[in-house]
Amino acid sequence: MFRIGKLSVQRVLLVFALLLGWCGAAHADCLASCMIDHDCWTDNAREHMTSYGKMCVEARKTCDTRCAGSAYGAIAYGEKSGSWGMSGVVPTALQARKDALDFCGQHGKDCKIALQVKNECAAVASGGKDIVVWAKADTLALARKAAQTDCIDKAGDACDLRHAQCFFP
């Protein structure tokens, strides 16, 4: 019998198969939960696709991406300095927080995490002298719109979208 270290190949393959089964079940649970969140799930998988049409086709794409793995992002903001920083797409929440704080810290020493996302999109908008707002959503368009709307509510019409990004694996 062929061995890898102290383990036989059969045992290694068995462990791998078990892990693959668990990951598949986790993906299915995530997918079902996500589709329910988008109002696109019934007892009959074909029914949801035909009954709701394009909306559920798009939701399925979003859910497949979301359930494939995890990607994190964060926004840090310094209230006194007005500085902000957004991380890039990273595999851990800790790295996202660190990156956002590091970037924000280049322009201000009072930075704190304002928003953290996992498999979502985020946007930052600013207006007036001291208005900086952020938002998160399932899509880039929705995150941009939410940040712009919040900014206009607080600062009036003089708002600019500073940055928007999706954090997907």
Protein backbone atom coordinates (compact mmCIF):
# COMPACT_ATOMS: atom_id res chain seq x y z
CA MET A 1 0.00 0.00 0.00
CA PHE A 2 1.27 3.44 -0.96
CA ARG A 3 1.66 5.89 1.94
CA ILE A 4 2.01 9.64 2.32
CA GLY A 5 3.89 10.05 5.56
CA LYS A 6 1.97 7.92 8.06
CA LEU A 7 -1.31 8.11 6.10
CA SER A 8 -2.36 5.70 3.39
CA VAL A 9 -3.56 7.16 0.11
CA GLN A 10 -7.00 5.66 0.81
CA ARG A 11 -7.30 7.60 4.06
CA VAL A 12 -6.15 10.83 2.43
CA LEU A 13 -8.73 10.38 -0.34
CA LEU A 14 -11.46 9.58 2.22
CA VAL A 15 -10.72 12.76 4.18
CA PHE A 16 -10.68 14.77 0.96
CA ALA A 17 -14.03 13.29 -0.14
CA LEU A 18 -15.60 14.06 3.24
CA LEU A 19 -14.37 17.65 3.13
CA LEU A 20 -15.64 18.04 -0.41
CA GLY A 21 -19.07 16.80 0.67
CA TRP A 22 -19.21 19.23 3.59
CA CYS A 23 -18.19 22.14 1.39
CA GLY A 24 -20.84 21.17 -1.17
CA ALA A 25 -23.53 21.08 1.51
CA ALA A 26 -22.38 24.43 2.90
CA HIS A 27 -22.54 25.94 -0.60
CA ALA A 28 -26.07 24.56 -1.11
CA ASP A 29 -27.23 25.98 2.24
CA CYS A 30 -25.68 29.35 1.42
CA LEU A 31 -27.26 29.35 -2.04
CA ALA A 32 -30.72 28.49 -0.71
CA SER A 33 -30.51 31.18 1.97
CA CYS A 34 -29.30 33.79 -0.52
CA MET A 35 -32.02 32.98 -3.05
CA ILE A 36 -34.66 33.22 -0.31
CA ASP A 37 -33.24 36.64 0.63
CA HIS A 38 -33.81 37.72 -3.00
CA ASP A 39 -37.40 36.33 -2.99
CA CYS A 40 -36.39 33.82 -5.63
CA TRP A 41 -36.97 30.43 -4.08
CA THR A 42 -39.80 27.93 -4.13
CA ASP A 43 -39.98 24.19 -3.57
CA ASN A 44 -39.47 23.70 -7.29
CA ALA A 45 -36.14 25.09 -8.54
CA ARG A 46 -37.42 25.46 -12.12
CA GLU A 47 -40.50 27.33 -10.96
CA HIS A 48 -38.49 30.11 -9.36
CA MET A 49 -36.51 30.69 -12.52
CA THR A 50 -39.57 30.91 -14.80
CA SER A 51 -41.93 32.65 -12.38
CA TYR A 52 -39.61 35.54 -11.59
CA GLY A 53 -37.63 35.62 -14.82
CA LYS A 54 -34.58 37.85 -15.22
CA MET A 55 -34.62 39.08 -11.60
CA CYS A 56 -33.94 35.56 -10.32
CA VAL A 57 -31.39 34.79 -13.00
CA GLU A 58 -29.41 37.81 -11.78
CA ALA A 59 -29.98 36.83 -8.15
CA ARG A 60 -28.63 33.34 -8.89
CA LYS A 61 -25.43 34.86 -10.35
CA THR A 62 -25.05 37.07 -7.27
CA CYS A 63 -25.69 34.16 -4.93
CA ASP A 64 -23.31 31.81 -6.74
CA THR A 65 -20.57 34.42 -6.39
CA ARG A 66 -21.39 35.17 -2.77
CA CYS A 67 -21.43 31.49 -1.81
CA ALA A 68 -18.24 30.54 -3.67
CA GLY A 69 -16.02 31.88 -0.91
CA SER A 70 -15.43 34.98 1.13
CA ALA A 71 -13.89 38.31 0.30
CA TYR A 72 -13.66 41.19 2.74
CA GLY A 73 -13.31 44.94 2.60
CA ALA A 74 -13.40 47.83 5.04
CA ILE A 75 -13.65 51.60 5.20
CA ALA A 76 -11.88 53.60 7.91
CA TYR A 77 -12.74 57.20 8.74
CA GLY A 78 -11.22 59.89 10.94
CA GLU A 79 -13.95 62.23 12.17
CA LYS A 80 -11.64 65.08 13.22
CA SER A 81 -9.21 64.83 10.31
CA GLY A 82 -11.87 64.03 7.70
CA SER A 83 -9.58 61.39 6.20
CA TRP A 84 -10.82 58.04 4.99
CA GLY A 85 -9.41 54.88 3.48
CA MET A 86 -10.84 51.78 1.80
CA SER A 87 -9.11 48.43 1.70
CA GLY A 88 -8.79 46.32 -1.40
CA VAL A 89 -10.38 42.89 -1.76
CA VAL A 90 -8.72 40.60 0.78
CA PRO A 91 -9.42 37.09 2.14
CA THR A 92 -9.78 38.03 5.83
CA ALA A 93 -11.68 40.63 7.85
CA LEU A 94 -8.56 41.37 9.89
CA GLN A 95 -6.55 42.21 6.75
CA ALA A 96 -9.36 44.42 5.44
CA ARG A 97 -9.46 46.43 8.68
CA LYS A 98 -5.67 46.76 8.76
CA ASP A 99 -5.45 47.93 5.14
CA ALA A 100 -8.25 50.50 5.56
CA LEU A 101 -6.71 51.87 8.77
CA ASP A 102 -3.24 52.03 7.15
CA PHE A 103 -4.54 53.97 4.15
CA CYS A 104 -6.65 56.33 6.26
CA GLY A 105 -3.75 56.78 8.68
CA GLN A 106 -1.62 58.34 5.93
CA HIS A 107 -3.88 61.41 6.12
CA GLY A 108 -5.09 61.44 9.73
CA LYS A 109 -4.26 59.92 13.09
CA ASP A 110 -7.84 59.50 14.34
CA CYS A 111 -9.01 56.74 11.97
CA LYS A 112 -11.45 54.07 13.08
CA ILE A 113 -13.27 51.37 11.16
CA ALA A 114 -16.55 52.82 9.89
CA LEU A 115 -17.78 49.93 7.73
CA GLN A 116 -16.81 46.35 7.09
CA VAL A 117 -18.17 44.20 4.27
CA LYS A 118 -18.10 40.54 3.32
CA ASN A 119 -19.05 39.60 -0.23
CA GLU A 120 -20.75 42.97 -0.80
CA CYS A 121 -20.07 46.30 -2.47
CA ALA A 122 -19.25 49.58 -0.72
CA ALA A 123 -19.10 53.24 -1.69
CA VAL A 124 -17.83 56.51 -0.18
CA ALA A 125 -19.27 59.94 -1.01
CA SER A 126 -18.42 63.37 0.37
CA GLY A 127 -19.91 66.80 0.27
CA GLY A 128 -19.66 70.16 1.93
CA LYS A 129 -16.83 70.77 4.32
CA ASP A 130 -17.18 67.90 6.78
CA ILE A 131 -19.56 65.36 5.26
CA VAL A 132 -18.25 61.89 4.43
CA VAL A 133 -20.68 58.99 4.13
CA TRP A 134 -20.41 55.34 3.21
CA ALA A 135 -22.82 52.63 2.22
CA LYS A 136 -22.88 48.94 1.39
CA ALA A 137 -25.16 46.90 -0.86
CA ASP A 138 -25.35 43.75 -2.95
CA THR A 139 -24.40 45.57 -6.15
CA LEU A 140 -22.07 48.42 -7.06
CA ALA A 141 -24.95 50.49 -8.44
CA LEU A 142 -26.95 50.15 -5.22
CA ALA A 143 -23.94 51.00 -3.03
CA ARG A 144 -23.21 54.11 -5.12
CA LYS A 145 -26.84 55.20 -5.02
CA ALA A 146 -27.10 54.69 -1.25
CA ALA A 147 -23.92 56.69 -0.57
CA GLN A 148 -24.99 59.52 -2.91
CA THR A 149 -28.49 59.66 -1.42
CA ASP A 150 -27.18 59.74 2.15
CA CYS A 151 -24.65 62.42 1.25
CA ILE A 152 -27.25 64.62 -0.46
CA ASP A 153 -29.53 64.23 2.56
CA LYS A 154 -26.75 65.51 4.83
CA ALA A 155 -24.91 68.03 2.64
CA GLY A 156 -27.30 69.08 -0.08
CA ASP A 157 -26.60 68.78 -3.79
CA ALA A 158 -22.84 69.30 -3.58
CA CYS A 159 -21.84 65.62 -3.18
CA ASP A 160 -19.24 63.63 -5.04
CA LEU A 161 -18.82 59.89 -5.19
CA ARG A 162 -15.21 59.31 -4.08
CA HIS A 163 -14.81 55.57 -4.49
CA ALA A 164 -16.92 52.45 -4.95
CA GLN A 165 -15.82 48.84 -5.07
CA CYS A 166 -17.19 45.31 -4.81
CA PHE A 167 -15.61 42.76 -2.53
CA PHE A 168 -16.26 39.38 -4.11
CA PRO A 169 -14.00 36.33 -4.29
